[in-house]
N, C-alpha and C. Protein backbone atom coordinates (compact mmCIF):
# COMPACT_ATOMS: atom_id res chain seq x y z
N MET A 1 -17.00 17.20 20.23
CA MET A 1 -16.13 16.63 20.97
C MET A 1 -14.69 17.07 20.73
N THR A 2 -14.18 17.46 21.78
CA THR A 2 -12.59 17.93 21.70
C THR A 2 -12.14 16.84 22.75
N ILE A 3 -10.88 16.32 21.94
CA ILE A 3 -10.07 15.37 22.98
C ILE A 3 -8.88 15.91 23.12
N THR A 4 -8.19 15.95 24.26
CA THR A 4 -7.17 16.50 24.86
C THR A 4 -6.20 15.65 24.34
N PRO A 5 -5.14 16.27 23.71
CA PRO A 5 -3.86 15.60 23.37
C PRO A 5 -3.29 14.65 24.27
N PHE A 6 -2.78 13.42 24.16
CA PHE A 6 -2.12 12.55 24.96
C PHE A 6 -0.95 13.21 25.33
N LYS A 7 -0.31 12.95 26.48
CA LYS A 7 1.03 13.22 27.19
C LYS A 7 2.18 12.95 26.25
N LEU A 8 2.05 11.73 25.90
CA LEU A 8 3.23 11.13 24.80
C LEU A 8 3.03 11.79 23.42
N GLU A 9 1.93 12.20 22.97
CA GLU A 9 1.94 13.00 21.73
C GLU A 9 2.76 14.48 21.96
N ARG A 10 1.94 15.02 23.09
CA ARG A 10 2.63 16.41 23.31
C ARG A 10 4.00 16.21 23.32
N TYR A 11 4.74 15.23 24.11
CA TYR A 11 6.16 15.21 24.51
C TYR A 11 6.93 15.19 22.94
N PHE A 12 6.55 14.15 22.15
CA PHE A 12 7.19 14.01 20.88
C PHE A 12 6.87 14.85 19.95
N SER A 13 5.81 15.76 20.02
CA SER A 13 5.55 16.98 19.08
C SER A 13 6.88 18.24 19.58
N GLU A 14 7.21 18.11 20.79
CA GLU A 14 8.13 19.00 21.29
C GLU A 14 9.68 18.60 20.95
N HIS A 15 9.75 17.09 21.31
CA HIS A 15 11.14 16.60 21.43
C HIS A 15 11.74 15.80 20.38
N GLU A 16 10.69 15.19 19.59
CA GLU A 16 11.31 14.03 18.72
C GLU A 16 12.53 14.24 17.59
N PHE A 17 12.18 15.58 17.24
CA PHE A 17 13.04 15.97 16.20
C PHE A 17 14.03 16.57 16.55
N THR A 18 14.04 17.07 17.79
CA THR A 18 15.18 18.15 18.56
C THR A 18 16.35 17.32 19.26
N ALA A 19 15.70 16.34 20.05
CA ALA A 19 16.65 15.34 20.85
C ALA A 19 17.63 15.06 20.24
N LYS A 20 19.11 15.04 20.96
CA LYS A 20 20.35 14.57 20.49
C LYS A 20 20.16 12.90 20.42
N TYR A 21 19.78 12.25 21.50
CA TYR A 21 19.55 10.89 21.50
C TYR A 21 18.13 10.62 21.44
N LEU A 22 17.49 9.87 20.79
CA LEU A 22 16.09 9.32 20.89
C LEU A 22 16.00 7.81 21.03
N LEU A 23 15.60 7.32 22.21
CA LEU A 23 15.65 6.07 22.63
C LEU A 23 14.27 5.28 22.09
N CYS A 24 13.48 6.01 21.61
CA CYS A 24 12.32 5.64 21.18
C CYS A 24 11.69 6.22 20.07
N SER A 25 10.70 5.70 19.29
CA SER A 25 10.17 6.64 18.42
C SER A 25 8.62 6.36 18.54
N SER A 26 7.64 7.35 17.88
CA SER A 26 6.19 7.53 18.10
C SER A 26 5.76 6.80 16.70
N ASP A 27 6.37 6.12 15.69
CA ASP A 27 6.09 5.89 14.53
C ASP A 27 6.50 4.17 14.39
N PRO A 28 5.81 3.58 13.68
CA PRO A 28 6.44 2.10 13.29
C PRO A 28 7.33 2.27 12.36
N GLU A 29 8.31 1.34 12.00
CA GLU A 29 9.52 1.17 11.29
C GLU A 29 8.69 1.02 9.75
N SER A 30 9.04 1.26 8.76
CA SER A 30 8.71 1.04 7.56
C SER A 30 9.11 -0.40 6.97
N MET A 31 8.50 -1.46 6.20
CA MET A 31 8.75 -2.55 5.85
C MET A 31 8.00 -3.18 4.94
N SER A 32 8.52 -4.16 4.07
CA SER A 32 7.51 -4.70 3.29
C SER A 32 6.47 -5.55 3.65
N ILE A 33 5.43 -5.96 2.80
CA ILE A 33 4.60 -7.02 3.44
C ILE A 33 5.25 -8.28 3.77
N GLY A 34 6.25 -8.76 2.95
CA GLY A 34 7.36 -10.04 3.04
C GLY A 34 7.95 -9.87 4.51
N GLU A 35 8.45 -8.87 4.77
CA GLU A 35 9.12 -8.86 6.15
C GLU A 35 8.34 -8.80 6.98
N LEU A 36 7.19 -8.21 7.03
CA LEU A 36 6.09 -8.27 8.18
C LEU A 36 5.85 -9.68 8.52
N LEU A 37 5.38 -10.37 7.23
CA LEU A 37 4.88 -11.80 7.36
C LEU A 37 5.85 -12.67 7.94
N ALA A 38 7.08 -12.23 7.66
CA ALA A 38 8.44 -13.35 7.86
C ALA A 38 8.40 -13.40 9.48
N PHE A 39 7.57 -12.57 10.27
CA PHE A 39 7.62 -12.69 11.91
C PHE A 39 6.93 -13.59 12.42
N GLU A 40 5.88 -14.15 11.34
CA GLU A 40 5.19 -14.95 12.05
C GLU A 40 4.98 -16.14 11.14
N PRO A 41 5.56 -17.57 11.47
CA PRO A 41 5.59 -18.81 10.74
C PRO A 41 4.17 -19.08 9.93
N GLY A 42 4.32 -19.47 8.89
CA GLY A 42 2.85 -19.54 8.27
C GLY A 42 2.03 -18.51 7.86
N ALA A 43 2.34 -17.27 8.13
CA ALA A 43 1.54 -16.22 7.85
C ALA A 43 1.33 -15.82 6.38
N SER A 44 2.74 -16.09 5.50
CA SER A 44 2.15 -16.00 3.94
C SER A 44 0.95 -16.71 3.68
N GLU A 45 1.28 -18.08 3.89
CA GLU A 45 0.21 -18.93 3.33
C GLU A 45 -1.15 -18.71 3.84
N GLY A 46 -1.53 -17.99 5.03
CA GLY A 46 -2.72 -17.75 5.69
C GLY A 46 -3.24 -16.39 5.19
N LEU A 47 -2.23 -15.50 4.68
CA LEU A 47 -2.71 -14.35 4.17
C LEU A 47 -3.23 -14.69 2.71
N GLY A 48 -2.70 -15.66 2.10
CA GLY A 48 -3.22 -16.22 0.73
C GLY A 48 -4.61 -16.62 0.90
N GLN A 49 -4.80 -17.14 2.07
CA GLN A 49 -6.14 -17.91 2.17
C GLN A 49 -7.11 -17.02 3.02
N THR A 50 -6.86 -15.91 3.12
CA THR A 50 -7.82 -14.77 3.84
C THR A 50 -8.68 -14.40 2.83
N TRP A 51 -10.06 -14.58 3.22
CA TRP A 51 -10.92 -13.79 2.31
C TRP A 51 -11.52 -12.48 2.88
N LEU A 52 -11.37 -11.33 1.72
CA LEU A 52 -11.68 -10.05 2.23
C LEU A 52 -12.83 -9.74 1.45
N GLY A 53 -13.91 -9.43 2.51
CA GLY A 53 -15.27 -9.19 1.90
C GLY A 53 -15.70 -7.71 2.35
N TYR A 54 -16.69 -7.13 1.45
CA TYR A 54 -17.06 -6.04 1.79
C TYR A 54 -18.83 -5.91 1.52
N THR A 55 -19.52 -5.46 2.42
CA THR A 55 -20.85 -5.48 2.39
C THR A 55 -21.54 -4.00 2.80
N GLU A 56 -22.34 -3.60 1.88
CA GLU A 56 -22.88 -2.31 2.23
C GLU A 56 -24.27 -2.36 2.32
N TYR A 57 -24.95 -1.82 3.51
CA TYR A 57 -26.08 -1.49 3.63
C TYR A 57 -26.63 -0.22 3.13
N PRO A 58 -27.40 -0.23 2.16
CA PRO A 58 -27.92 1.09 1.79
C PRO A 58 -29.00 1.66 2.86
N GLY A 59 -28.74 2.92 2.93
CA GLY A 59 -29.59 3.54 3.80
C GLY A 59 -29.52 3.65 5.29
N VAL A 60 -28.50 2.96 5.80
CA VAL A 60 -28.42 2.90 7.12
C VAL A 60 -27.31 3.72 7.68
N GLY A 61 -26.68 4.51 6.87
CA GLY A 61 -25.67 5.37 7.45
C GLY A 61 -24.68 5.05 8.34
N HIS A 62 -24.46 5.92 9.35
CA HIS A 62 -23.40 5.37 10.45
C HIS A 62 -23.84 4.05 11.21
N GLY A 63 -25.05 3.72 11.14
CA GLY A 63 -25.49 2.64 11.87
C GLY A 63 -25.60 1.19 11.24
N SER A 64 -24.22 0.94 10.46
CA SER A 64 -24.20 -0.19 9.69
C SER A 64 -24.13 -1.39 10.37
N TRP A 65 -23.38 -1.19 11.85
CA TRP A 65 -23.34 -2.52 12.29
C TRP A 65 -24.63 -3.12 12.88
N LEU A 66 -25.50 -2.54 12.94
CA LEU A 66 -26.83 -2.99 13.42
C LEU A 66 -27.18 -4.37 12.43
N PRO A 67 -27.34 -4.05 11.08
CA PRO A 67 -27.56 -5.02 9.96
C PRO A 67 -26.25 -6.02 9.91
N ALA A 68 -25.19 -5.55 10.29
CA ALA A 68 -23.98 -6.37 10.15
C ALA A 68 -24.26 -7.71 11.39
N TYR A 69 -24.73 -7.07 12.51
CA TYR A 69 -24.54 -8.16 13.46
C TYR A 69 -25.60 -9.05 13.11
N ASP A 70 -26.81 -9.02 12.26
CA ASP A 70 -27.51 -10.03 11.89
C ASP A 70 -27.40 -10.73 11.13
N GLU A 71 -26.02 -10.53 10.15
CA GLU A 71 -25.68 -11.47 9.35
C GLU A 71 -25.31 -12.82 9.63
N PRO A 72 -25.72 -13.91 9.41
CA PRO A 72 -25.66 -15.42 9.99
C PRO A 72 -24.16 -15.82 10.04
N GLU A 73 -23.19 -15.21 8.91
CA GLU A 73 -21.94 -15.75 9.08
C GLU A 73 -21.13 -14.99 10.28
N LEU A 74 -21.44 -13.89 10.60
CA LEU A 74 -20.53 -12.92 11.63
C LEU A 74 -20.26 -13.81 12.93
N TRP A 75 -21.20 -14.25 13.60
CA TRP A 75 -21.02 -14.67 14.82
C TRP A 75 -20.14 -15.71 14.85
N PRO A 76 -20.28 -17.04 13.82
CA PRO A 76 -19.50 -18.17 14.23
C PRO A 76 -18.01 -17.68 13.48
N TRP A 77 -17.82 -16.93 12.90
CA TRP A 77 -16.47 -16.31 12.13
C TRP A 77 -15.94 -15.67 13.60
N MET A 78 -16.44 -14.88 13.93
CA MET A 78 -16.04 -14.01 15.18
C MET A 78 -15.47 -15.10 16.31
N PHE A 79 -16.06 -15.81 16.64
CA PHE A 79 -16.19 -16.72 17.75
C PHE A 79 -15.30 -17.91 17.74
N SER A 80 -14.80 -18.00 16.26
CA SER A 80 -13.75 -19.29 15.93
C SER A 80 -12.54 -18.65 15.93
N HIS A 81 -12.25 -17.38 16.65
CA HIS A 81 -10.76 -16.78 16.65
C HIS A 81 -10.51 -16.64 18.21
N ARG A 82 -9.51 -17.04 18.45
CA ARG A 82 -9.10 -16.57 19.81
C ARG A 82 -7.64 -15.95 20.21
N LEU A 83 -7.55 -15.23 21.00
CA LEU A 83 -6.18 -14.53 21.31
C LEU A 83 -5.17 -15.56 21.28
N GLY A 84 -3.99 -15.23 20.67
CA GLY A 84 -3.01 -16.39 20.63
C GLY A 84 -3.02 -17.33 19.63
N ASP A 85 -4.14 -17.67 18.79
CA ASP A 85 -4.34 -18.92 17.77
C ASP A 85 -3.24 -18.66 16.81
N ALA A 86 -2.72 -17.59 16.25
CA ALA A 86 -1.79 -17.53 15.45
C ALA A 86 -0.46 -18.33 16.01
N LYS A 87 -0.11 -18.11 17.15
CA LYS A 87 0.86 -18.58 17.90
C LYS A 87 0.97 -20.01 17.96
N LYS A 88 -0.18 -20.75 18.12
CA LYS A 88 -0.44 -21.84 18.44
C LYS A 88 -0.32 -22.86 17.09
N LYS A 89 -0.61 -22.15 16.09
CA LYS A 89 -0.46 -22.80 14.76
C LYS A 89 0.77 -22.98 14.35
N GLY A 90 1.73 -21.97 14.66
CA GLY A 90 3.02 -21.88 14.11
C GLY A 90 4.13 -22.85 14.65
């Protein structure tokens, strides 16, 4: 499959480093984890309590989402989150 480049990427590839004044950029600013977490009150504590897991399903190849959907912990965890929850907690 060939995906046509987006207009924004084509524009930046031509002008990003040659424009006299660039009022935007196509890349995020670099910052430390601490600086990033400072944007959200309580984010440091939340990050420290975040469980990072990894599950490998031998022999399933690219179709790993199928056995993942059968994991009993997945759906309660997924539906326990709502857009904007982090802002309500802060």
